[in-house]
Structure formats: C-alpha cells, structure tokens
Protein backbone atom coordinates (compact mmCIF):
# COMPACT_ATOMS: atom_id res chain seq x y z
CA MET A 1 164.95 104.08 64.40
CA LEU A 2 165.74 105.96 67.59
CA LYS A 3 168.33 104.59 70.00
CA GLY A 4 167.59 104.06 73.66
CA PRO A 5 168.41 107.59 74.98
CA LEU A 6 166.60 109.33 72.11
CA ALA A 7 163.61 107.02 72.49
CA LEU A 8 163.51 107.94 76.17
CA VAL A 9 163.54 111.67 75.33
CA VAL A 10 160.69 111.22 72.84
CA LEU A 11 158.72 109.15 75.33
CA VAL A 12 159.13 111.73 78.10
CA ALA A 13 158.09 114.54 75.74
CA LEU A 14 154.99 112.60 74.69
CA ALA A 15 154.09 111.87 78.31
CA LEU A 16 154.40 115.51 79.39
CA ALA A 17 152.53 116.82 76.34
CA GLY A 18 149.79 114.23 76.82
CA ALA A 19 149.43 115.07 80.51
CA GLU A 20 149.09 118.77 79.73
CA ALA A 21 146.54 118.11 76.98
CA ARG A 22 144.52 115.89 79.29
CA ARG A 23 144.61 118.54 82.04
CA ARG A 24 143.29 121.23 79.69
CA LEU A 25 140.55 119.00 78.30
CA ARG A 26 139.44 118.05 81.81
CA GLY A 27 139.39 121.74 82.73
CA ARG A 28 136.86 122.29 79.94
CA GLY A 29 134.75 119.35 81.05
CA VAL A 30 135.90 117.14 78.18
CA GLY A 31 137.28 113.70 78.86
CA GLY A 32 136.76 109.96 78.68
CA PRO A 33 139.46 108.11 80.66
CA MET A 34 139.48 104.84 78.75
CA LEU A 35 139.10 106.52 75.34
CA GLU A 36 142.10 108.72 76.13
CA ASN A 37 144.04 105.62 77.11
CA PHE A 38 143.18 104.01 73.78
CA PHE A 39 144.47 107.11 72.00
CA PHE A 40 147.86 106.93 73.71
CA VAL A 41 148.17 103.22 72.96
CA ALA A 42 147.42 104.05 69.32
CA VAL A 43 150.19 106.68 69.41
CA GLY A 44 152.59 103.99 70.60
CA VAL A 45 151.50 101.69 67.77
CA GLY A 46 152.01 104.50 65.25
CA LEU A 47 155.52 105.28 66.50
CA GLY A 48 156.56 101.63 66.85
CA SER A 49 157.65 99.13 64.24
CA LEU A 50 154.08 98.80 62.95
CA GLY A 51 154.01 102.49 62.08
CA LEU A 52 156.83 105.01 61.65
CA GLY A 53 159.41 102.69 63.18
CA LEU A 54 160.85 105.35 65.50
CA PHE A 55 160.90 103.08 68.54
CA PRO A 56 163.07 99.94 68.70
CA ASP A 57 161.35 96.56 68.66
CA GLU A 58 162.32 95.75 72.26
CA LEU A 59 161.28 99.12 73.64
CA VAL A 60 159.81 97.69 76.85
CA THR A 61 163.14 95.98 77.54
CA THR A 62 165.20 99.00 76.48
CA LEU A 63 163.23 101.39 78.68
CA ARG A 64 162.55 98.91 81.47
CA PRO A 65 163.56 101.44 84.18
CA ILE A 66 160.69 103.69 83.06
CA VAL A 67 158.29 100.76 83.18
CA LEU A 68 159.43 99.80 86.67
CA LEU A 69 159.23 103.38 87.91
CA GLY A 70 155.76 103.81 86.42
CA VAL A 71 154.18 100.67 87.86
CA THR A 72 155.83 101.21 91.26
CA TRP A 73 154.56 104.79 91.31
CA ILE A 74 151.00 103.63 90.64
CA GLY A 75 151.32 101.15 93.49
CA LEU A 76 152.61 103.97 95.70
CA VAL A 77 149.60 106.16 94.84
CA VAL A 78 147.23 103.30 95.70
CA GLY A 79 148.99 102.82 99.03
CA LEU A 80 148.81 106.55 99.79
CA GLN A 81 145.02 106.27 99.63
CA LEU A 82 144.86 103.39 102.12
CA ASP A 83 144.04 105.13 105.40
CA LEU A 84 143.65 102.49 108.09
CA LYS A 85 141.83 104.91 110.41
CA VAL A 86 139.15 105.49 107.79
CA LEU A 87 139.00 101.76 107.10
CA ALA A 88 138.53 101.02 110.82
CA ARG A 89 135.64 103.48 111.02
CA LEU A 90 133.73 101.62 108.30
CA LYS A 91 131.03 99.22 109.36
CA ALA A 92 131.86 95.54 109.19
CA TRP A 93 129.49 94.93 106.27
CA HIS A 94 131.10 97.83 104.38
CA ARG A 95 134.49 96.13 104.63
CA LEU A 96 132.92 92.80 103.70
CA VAL A 97 131.40 94.30 100.55
CA GLY A 98 134.44 96.42 99.69
CA PHE A 99 136.92 93.55 99.82
CA GLY A 100 134.54 90.66 99.18
CA VAL A 101 133.06 91.75 95.85
CA PRO A 102 136.43 92.11 94.04
CA ALA A 103 137.84 88.99 95.72
CA VAL A 104 134.90 86.82 94.66
CA THR A 105 134.97 88.28 91.15
CA GLY A 106 138.67 87.57 90.73
CA GLY A 107 138.27 84.10 92.20
CA VAL A 108 135.47 83.12 89.81
CA VAL A 109 137.40 84.46 86.80
CA ALA A 110 140.49 82.53 87.95
CA VAL A 111 138.48 79.32 88.24
CA GLY A 112 137.03 79.91 84.78
CA ALA A 113 140.52 80.45 83.34
CA VAL A 114 141.77 77.25 84.96
CA LEU A 115 138.82 75.25 83.65
CA VAL A 116 139.50 76.34 80.06
CA GLY A 117 143.15 75.38 80.40
CA ARG A 118 144.90 78.74 80.55
CA PRO A 119 148.50 78.82 81.92
CA THR A 120 149.16 79.95 85.48
CA ASP A 121 150.63 83.34 84.54
CA GLU A 122 147.56 84.19 82.51
CA VAL A 123 145.22 82.98 85.26
CA VAL A 124 146.87 85.35 87.76
CA LEU A 125 146.77 88.25 85.31
CA LEU A 126 143.09 87.74 84.48
CA ALA A 127 142.12 87.35 88.14
CA ALA A 128 143.98 90.50 89.22
CA VAL A 129 142.58 92.58 86.34
CA ALA A 130 139.06 91.27 87.01
CA MET A 131 139.22 92.51 90.60
CA VAL A 132 139.93 96.12 89.65
CA ALA A 133 137.01 98.53 89.36
CA SER A 134 137.54 102.23 88.73
CA PRO A 135 135.53 105.14 90.21
CA ARG A 136 136.62 107.56 87.47
CA VAL A 137 133.41 107.36 85.45
CA ILE A 138 131.30 108.08 88.54
CA LEU A 139 133.55 110.94 89.66
CA LEU A 140 133.54 112.47 86.17
CA LEU A 141 129.74 112.37 85.82
CA ALA A 142 129.22 113.57 89.40
CA ARG A 143 130.82 116.90 88.47
CA THR A 144 127.94 117.82 86.18
CA ALA A 145 124.90 115.87 87.41
CA ALA A 146 123.29 114.57 90.58
CA PRO A 147 122.90 110.80 90.98
CA ALA A 148 119.49 109.19 90.92
CA ASP A 149 120.48 107.05 93.90
CA ARG A 150 123.06 108.55 96.23
CA ALA A 151 123.21 105.52 98.49
CA ALA A 152 123.99 103.31 95.49
CA MET A 153 126.69 105.73 94.36
CA ARG A 154 128.32 105.65 97.80
CA LEU A 155 128.40 101.86 97.75
CA LEU A 156 129.93 101.83 94.28
CA LYS A 157 132.60 104.33 95.31
CA LEU A 158 133.38 102.21 98.38
CA VAL A 159 133.92 99.03 96.35
CA THR A 160 135.96 100.78 93.67
CA ALA A 161 138.16 102.41 96.33
CA LEU A 162 138.96 99.10 98.00
CA SER A 163 139.12 96.82 94.95
CA SER A 164 142.71 97.81 94.17
CA ILE A 165 144.03 96.31 97.42
CA PRO A 166 143.17 92.62 96.82
CA ALA A 167 144.18 92.96 93.16
CA LEU A 168 147.67 94.22 93.98
CA VAL A 169 148.11 91.81 96.88
CA LEU A 170 147.25 88.86 94.65
CA PHE A 171 149.40 89.94 91.72
CA GLY A 172 152.37 90.99 93.87
CA THR A 173 152.26 87.99 96.21
CA VAL A 174 152.20 85.45 93.38
CA ALA A 175 155.06 87.29 91.68
CA ALA A 176 157.16 87.18 94.87
CA LEU A 177 156.40 83.52 95.58
CA THR A 178 157.19 82.40 92.04
CA GLY A 179 160.21 84.70 91.57
CA VAL A 180 159.24 86.17 88.19
CA GLY A 181 162.08 88.70 88.29
CA ALA A 182 165.71 88.14 87.40
CA GLY A 183 167.11 88.93 90.82
CA TRP A 184 170.00 86.79 92.02
CA LEU A 185 168.23 86.29 95.35
CA THR A 186 165.66 84.11 93.60
CA GLU A 187 168.30 81.36 93.67
CA VAL A 188 169.19 81.94 97.32
CA LEU A 189 165.88 82.53 99.09
CA GLY A 190 162.56 80.74 98.94
CA GLY A 191 159.34 82.41 97.86
CA GLY A 192 158.07 83.03 101.39
CA GLU A 193 161.41 84.45 102.49
CA ARG A 194 161.51 86.81 99.53
CA LEU A 195 157.97 87.98 100.26
CA LEU A 196 158.75 88.69 103.92
CA LEU A 197 161.93 90.53 102.96
CA MET A 198 160.01 92.64 100.43
CA VAL A 199 157.41 93.59 103.03
CA GLY A 200 160.10 94.48 105.56
CA LEU A 201 162.04 96.63 103.08
CA ALA A 202 158.86 98.41 102.01
CA VAL A 203 158.03 99.24 105.63
CA VAL A 204 161.56 100.57 106.19
CA LEU A 205 161.34 102.72 103.03
CA GLY A 206 157.97 104.08 104.16
CA TYR A 207 159.36 105.16 107.54
CA ALA A 208 162.47 106.57 105.86
CA THR A 209 160.25 108.69 103.61
CA ASN A 210 158.43 110.10 106.62
CA VAL A 211 161.75 111.01 108.25
CA LEU A 212 163.06 112.69 105.09
CA LEU A 213 159.83 114.64 104.55
CA ALA A 214 159.25 115.69 108.17
CA GLY A 215 158.17 119.32 108.05
CA GLU A 216 158.70 119.56 104.28
CA ARG A 217 156.17 121.71 102.44
CA ALA A 218 157.67 122.38 99.02
CA PRO A 219 155.96 120.12 96.41
CA VAL A 220 159.17 119.91 94.37
CA HIS A 221 161.16 118.58 97.32
CA ILE A 222 158.42 116.11 98.22
CA LEU A 223 158.28 114.91 94.62
CA ALA A 224 162.07 114.46 94.47
CA VAL A 225 162.11 112.31 97.61
CA LEU A 226 159.18 110.23 96.37
CA ILE A 227 160.93 109.57 93.05
CA GLY A 228 164.04 108.41 94.88
CA ILE A 229 162.09 106.15 97.24
CA THR A 230 160.08 104.75 94.31
CA ALA A 231 163.28 103.96 92.41
CA LEU A 232 164.69 102.19 95.49
CA SER A 233 161.45 100.20 95.87
CA ALA A 234 161.48 99.14 92.22
CA GLY A 235 165.14 98.14 92.35
CA ALA A 236 164.69 96.18 95.57
CA ALA A 237 161.67 94.34 94.16
CA ILE A 238 163.55 93.31 91.03
CA LEU A 239 166.58 92.24 93.08
CA LEU A 240 164.29 90.00 95.11
CA GLY A 241 162.53 88.66 92.03
CA GLY A 242 159.18 90.22 92.98
CA GLU A 243 156.61 92.70 91.77
CA PRO A 244 157.44 96.43 92.28
CA MET A 245 153.79 97.47 92.60
CA LEU A 246 153.42 95.53 95.85
CA MET A 247 156.49 97.30 97.24
CA GLY A 248 154.99 100.63 96.22
CA LEU A 249 151.64 99.75 97.80
CA ILE A 250 153.16 98.87 101.18
CA THR A 251 155.50 101.87 101.16
CA GLY A 252 152.62 104.21 100.34
CA ALA A 253 150.41 102.71 103.06
CA VAL A 254 153.14 103.22 105.69
CA ILE A 255 153.60 106.83 104.57
CA MET A 256 149.86 107.51 104.70
CA ASN A 257 149.33 106.04 108.15
CA ARG A 258 152.51 107.30 109.88
CA CYS A 259 152.97 110.74 108.35
CA ARG A 260 151.50 113.85 109.99
CA PHE A 261 150.49 115.49 106.69
CA PRO A 262 150.04 112.64 104.21
CA HIS A 263 147.72 114.59 101.91
CA ARG A 264 150.58 116.86 100.86
CA ILE A 265 152.48 113.78 99.76
CA LEU A 266 149.43 112.38 97.98
CA ARG A 267 148.96 115.61 96.02
CA ALA A 268 152.61 115.53 94.94
CA ALA A 269 152.30 111.87 93.94
CA HIS A 270 149.25 112.59 91.80
CA ALA A 271 151.24 115.22 89.89
CA LEU A 272 153.44 112.52 88.32
CA GLU A 273 150.81 109.79 88.01
CA THR A 274 149.34 110.95 84.69
CA PRO A 275 152.65 111.40 82.78
CA LEU A 276 153.87 107.99 83.93
CA LEU A 277 150.58 106.36 82.97
CA ILE A 278 150.76 107.92 79.50
CA ALA A 279 154.34 106.70 79.10
CA LEU A 280 153.24 103.17 80.02
CA LEU A 281 150.40 103.32 77.50
CA VAL A 282 152.72 104.44 74.71
CA LEU A 283 155.13 101.64 75.61
CA LEU A 284 152.25 99.16 75.55
CA GLY A 285 151.29 100.30 72.05
CA ALA A 286 154.88 100.09 70.79
CA TRP A 287 155.22 96.58 72.26
CA TRP A 288 152.08 95.22 70.61
CA ARG A 289 152.35 92.92 67.62
CA PRO A 290 149.25 91.70 65.75
CA GLY A 291 148.55 88.02 66.02
CA ALA A 292 145.89 85.47 66.89
CA PHE A 293 143.32 87.19 69.10
CA GLN A 294 142.76 85.54 72.50
CA TRP A 295 138.96 85.41 72.65
CA THR A 296 138.98 83.33 75.81
CA ALA A 297 140.47 86.22 77.81
CA VAL A 298 137.82 88.62 76.47
CA LEU A 299 134.97 86.25 77.33
CA LEU A 300 136.32 85.79 80.84
CA LEU A 301 136.95 89.49 81.52
CA VAL A 302 133.78 90.73 79.86
CA GLY A 303 131.13 88.01 79.97
CA LEU A 304 132.00 86.07 83.12
CA ARG A 305 133.17 89.13 85.05
CA ALA A 306 129.99 91.06 84.20
CA ALA A 307 127.77 88.14 85.20
CA VAL A 308 129.52 87.79 88.57
CA LEU A 309 129.45 91.53 89.27
CA ILE A 310 125.76 91.85 88.42
CA ALA A 311 124.90 88.89 90.67
CA LEU A 312 127.01 90.35 93.49
CA GLY A 313 125.40 93.74 92.90
CA PHE A 314 121.96 92.32 93.67
CA GLN A 315 123.32 90.68 96.81
CA THR A 316 125.02 93.88 97.90
CA ALA A 317 121.88 95.98 97.39
CA SER A 318 119.86 93.48 99.40
CA MET A 319 122.44 93.46 102.20
CA ALA A 320 122.49 97.26 102.29
CA ARG A 321 118.70 97.50 102.59
CA ARG A 322 118.66 94.98 105.44
CA ARG A 323 121.10 97.23 107.28
CA GLY A 324 119.07 100.38 106.75
CA ALA A 325 120.84 101.91 103.74
CA PRO A 326 118.31 103.58 101.36
CA VAL A 327 119.57 101.85 98.22
CA ARG A 328 116.92 101.86 95.48
CA ARG A 329 118.84 100.30 92.59
CA SER A 330 119.55 96.58 92.64
CA ASP A 331 121.71 96.32 89.50
CA LEU A 332 124.75 97.89 91.16
CA GLY A 333 127.21 95.49 89.56
CA ALA A 334 127.03 97.28 86.22
CA GLY A 335 128.55 100.33 87.89
CA LEU A 336 131.65 98.28 88.75
CA LEU A 337 132.44 97.32 85.16
CA PRO A 338 134.82 100.23 84.29
CA GLN A 339 138.51 99.62 84.91
CA GLY A 340 141.15 102.30 85.29
CA PRO A 341 144.90 102.93 85.49
CA LEU A 342 145.60 100.14 87.95
CA ALA A 343 144.27 97.46 85.60
CA LEU A 344 146.44 98.89 82.83
CA ALA A 345 149.45 98.99 85.16
CA ILE A 346 148.94 95.31 86.03
CA LEU A 347 148.86 94.49 82.32
CA VAL A 348 152.05 96.50 81.65
CA ALA A 349 153.77 94.90 84.66
CA SER A 350 152.91 91.46 83.31
CA VAL A 351 154.30 92.48 79.91
CA ALA A 352 157.51 93.75 81.53
CA GLN A 353 157.91 90.43 83.34
CA GLY A 354 157.71 88.62 80.02
CA GLN A 355 154.68 86.66 81.23
CA THR A 356 152.17 87.98 78.67
CA THR A 357 151.99 87.36 74.93
CA PRO A 358 150.76 90.04 72.51
CA ALA A 359 147.61 87.96 71.87
CA VAL A 360 146.70 87.99 75.56
CA GLY A 361 147.78 91.61 76.02
CA GLU A 362 145.58 92.94 73.23
CA ALA A 363 142.66 90.80 74.43
CA VAL A 364 142.93 92.13 77.99
CA PHE A 365 143.12 95.71 76.72
CA ALA A 366 140.14 95.17 74.41
CA ALA A 367 138.17 93.75 77.34
CA MET A 368 138.95 96.87 79.37
CA LEU A 369 137.58 99.05 76.57
CA VAL A 370 134.36 97.04 76.38
CA ASN A 371 133.94 97.08 80.16
CA HIS A 372 134.49 100.81 80.24
CA LEU A 373 131.88 101.40 77.53
CA LEU A 374 129.25 99.19 79.18
CA GLY A 375 129.88 100.67 82.62
CA TRP A 376 129.83 104.21 81.28
CA LEU A 377 126.47 103.62 79.54
CA TRP A 378 124.88 102.24 82.71
CA THR A 379 126.31 104.94 84.94
CA ARG A 380 125.30 107.78 82.63
CA ARG A 381 121.82 106.55 81.70
CA ILE A 382 120.78 104.84 84.92
CA LEU A 383 122.73 106.15 87.89
CA PHE A 384 122.85 109.76 86.68
CA GLY A 385 120.08 109.77 84.08
CA GLU A 386 117.05 109.04 86.22
CA ALA A 387 117.42 111.58 89.02
CA GLY A 388 114.18 113.33 89.83
CA PRO A 389 113.89 117.05 90.73
CA SER A 390 113.98 116.42 94.46
CA GLU A 391 117.15 114.35 94.11
CA ARG A 392 118.87 116.98 91.99
CA GLU A 393 118.15 119.70 94.55
CA ARG A 394 120.00 117.91 97.32
CA PRO A 395 123.48 119.28 98.11
C-alpha cells in the first residue's frame, strides 16, 4: 500500500495522463463525458482496497487538500462563466426559465426525499445534484451535426448554463449555515455570520486576483495566481466550517465581472479543470465500498427528476412560443437530463465532508449514468436526428 506522498504522486500522474488521453480522443471526435467519468471511477476502484490495494483505505481523508482544491477550482470555473452583463441583457422570461427550471426540479426532489424519510444531509445532496444539467452532450453533438430545432437547442443551453448557480448556492449556503466543516470558528460564530464572512472573503479574494493579474498575459503566471487564490479560498472555507465551492463561485464571479480581460483567466482555469476532475473521480472510486444499494436515491434522481423536467419542458416550450420563439419541440425536458462535472463535484464534496455513505454515493453516481444515457439518446435521436435538409444548410 502506498503512503500519502506516494499516493499523491500516483494520483497526479493518473490525472495528467487521463487529461492528455481525453484531449487526444476529443481531437479525433471520440468521447462520451459520462462514460469517461465511469472509466476513471473504475480505475480508482481497481487501485483501491477492492483491487490492487495501492491506495490507503482513507484516501479521501489522506489527500483531502487535493479534494478541496479540486472542488473549489470547479466552483471557480463556474463563477468565471457568470457574466452579469450578459445575464442583464437576457429577457425576463429567459432568466425565469434559466433559474426557475432547476430550482423547481431541486425543490420537488427535496420534498420527495423528505417525504420518504431521508436525512437532511442526503436531502440537500439530492436537491443540489437534481438541479444540475450539463450542456456537454449538446455541445459535443453540435460539432458534427445541425440541430433539428435551433430554438429548442438555445433554450436548453440557456438552462444548462444557469442551472449550476442555484445548485451551488443551495449546497454551499446549507453547508455554511450548518457548519459541516471542522473549523474552530464554527464554535464562535453563528451560521449567518459565517456565511456573510465567507461571502466577504470571497469578494476580497476576487478583487485581489484582479490586482495581481492586471496586465498579465502569460498563461503560466495566470494559472499560478489562480492556484494560490483557490487554495486560500478552500482554506478559508474550511476554517469557517463552510463549503469551498461556494467560495470559488463568488471569487470567480468577481473576477469575471471586474477584470478587463476575464476570458484569458477562464482559458487558464479550464486548463486545470480536467486533471482535477479526473483526480476527484479516481478518489471517488478508491473511497467506494460495496454495500446495500440506496434505491430511493436512484428513483428520486432518475424517475422523479425526469418527470419534473419533462413537465417543465412542456411549460417552457409553451412559454417560448407565446413570446415569439420558434420552438417546435415540446419535450425539451429530456434534453436537461445529462449531468456533468459539477454534479460529480457536489457528490465528492459531500463525501469529503463525511455526510455521504457509500450506499448513497454509489446510488447518486449510478443515477448520473442513467440520466446521461437517457439524455444522450434523446439529444442524438431527436434534437440532432430529425433535422431536415433546410435546417442542416443553415450556418
């Protein structure tokens, strides 16, 4: 069994090798985001105590700094895509749909979890994961085919782009209010005080990043500063007994909206996103232990979530038509089923907090796989499989 430092070296090597392999496969037009994620989780299982036994049993605890850095970085990337100027230019009904669909979905799943008697930590996890919808399937298919309904595709991309915000706000706010971390300030400050202090520190770190990167063009220098700021955000969140992803989200949003050239920073942030995600997936696989499968979580995240999204999809299509949008499809909700890196990061963050059992963790991951498959089938066969000649000729 590898000790902590050696396990870290192996994990970093796997993350870098996996990121390079994924880049080359994507360059050849080969890729399936959720299937690749399943592969890396399987690698973690094979290297953990259930397989070769190279990783220690408490790997998530041993390498907790990597976990914290990874989830905070994903929150930072989400924040770097939150441009308030673009959001203000959207029509009011666009914002209503973009934030309302994930919020209602998460709320219904949370109510369902409460009704079946699930504990509070699990209710929050299921609600936050249910809110997340990923645009990766649409973006991947759009590279090789034209959509049958462009207006529907735009609506789906809008909802998927905004769904991460309410998910992270819910998960991070509950974590701050309940003090899930081990920070000593959890015994000194109340939940509301900790939350306000977290927001204030995140804003300060965002402005500090802009000062440090003023006029900076070298990607390596930008990446180094971002890593340092991310580490500070993660450490501050844990000290306050909160969730690092919320700190990363707020810091990234401040950078995006106050920096003169935020897209340079976003490109640098994306460079490290894939290796950190792969490292988190390997850690998730090494953490997993087989046990009683939590079917309730699967039914909530697959059955109930799909029913809510499909119903909201019909409502959204009807609303869009009333406002002059040429949406032809009404079953838009099926295009919101896939879930991406943020949902996985929320699961890993919950594991790192010690709030999730292996039974719930494997059920949530299995639900993500099923959602991805169902969403991919609908998107490929319906949204991109029924385009007529005139639609395909459009630029």
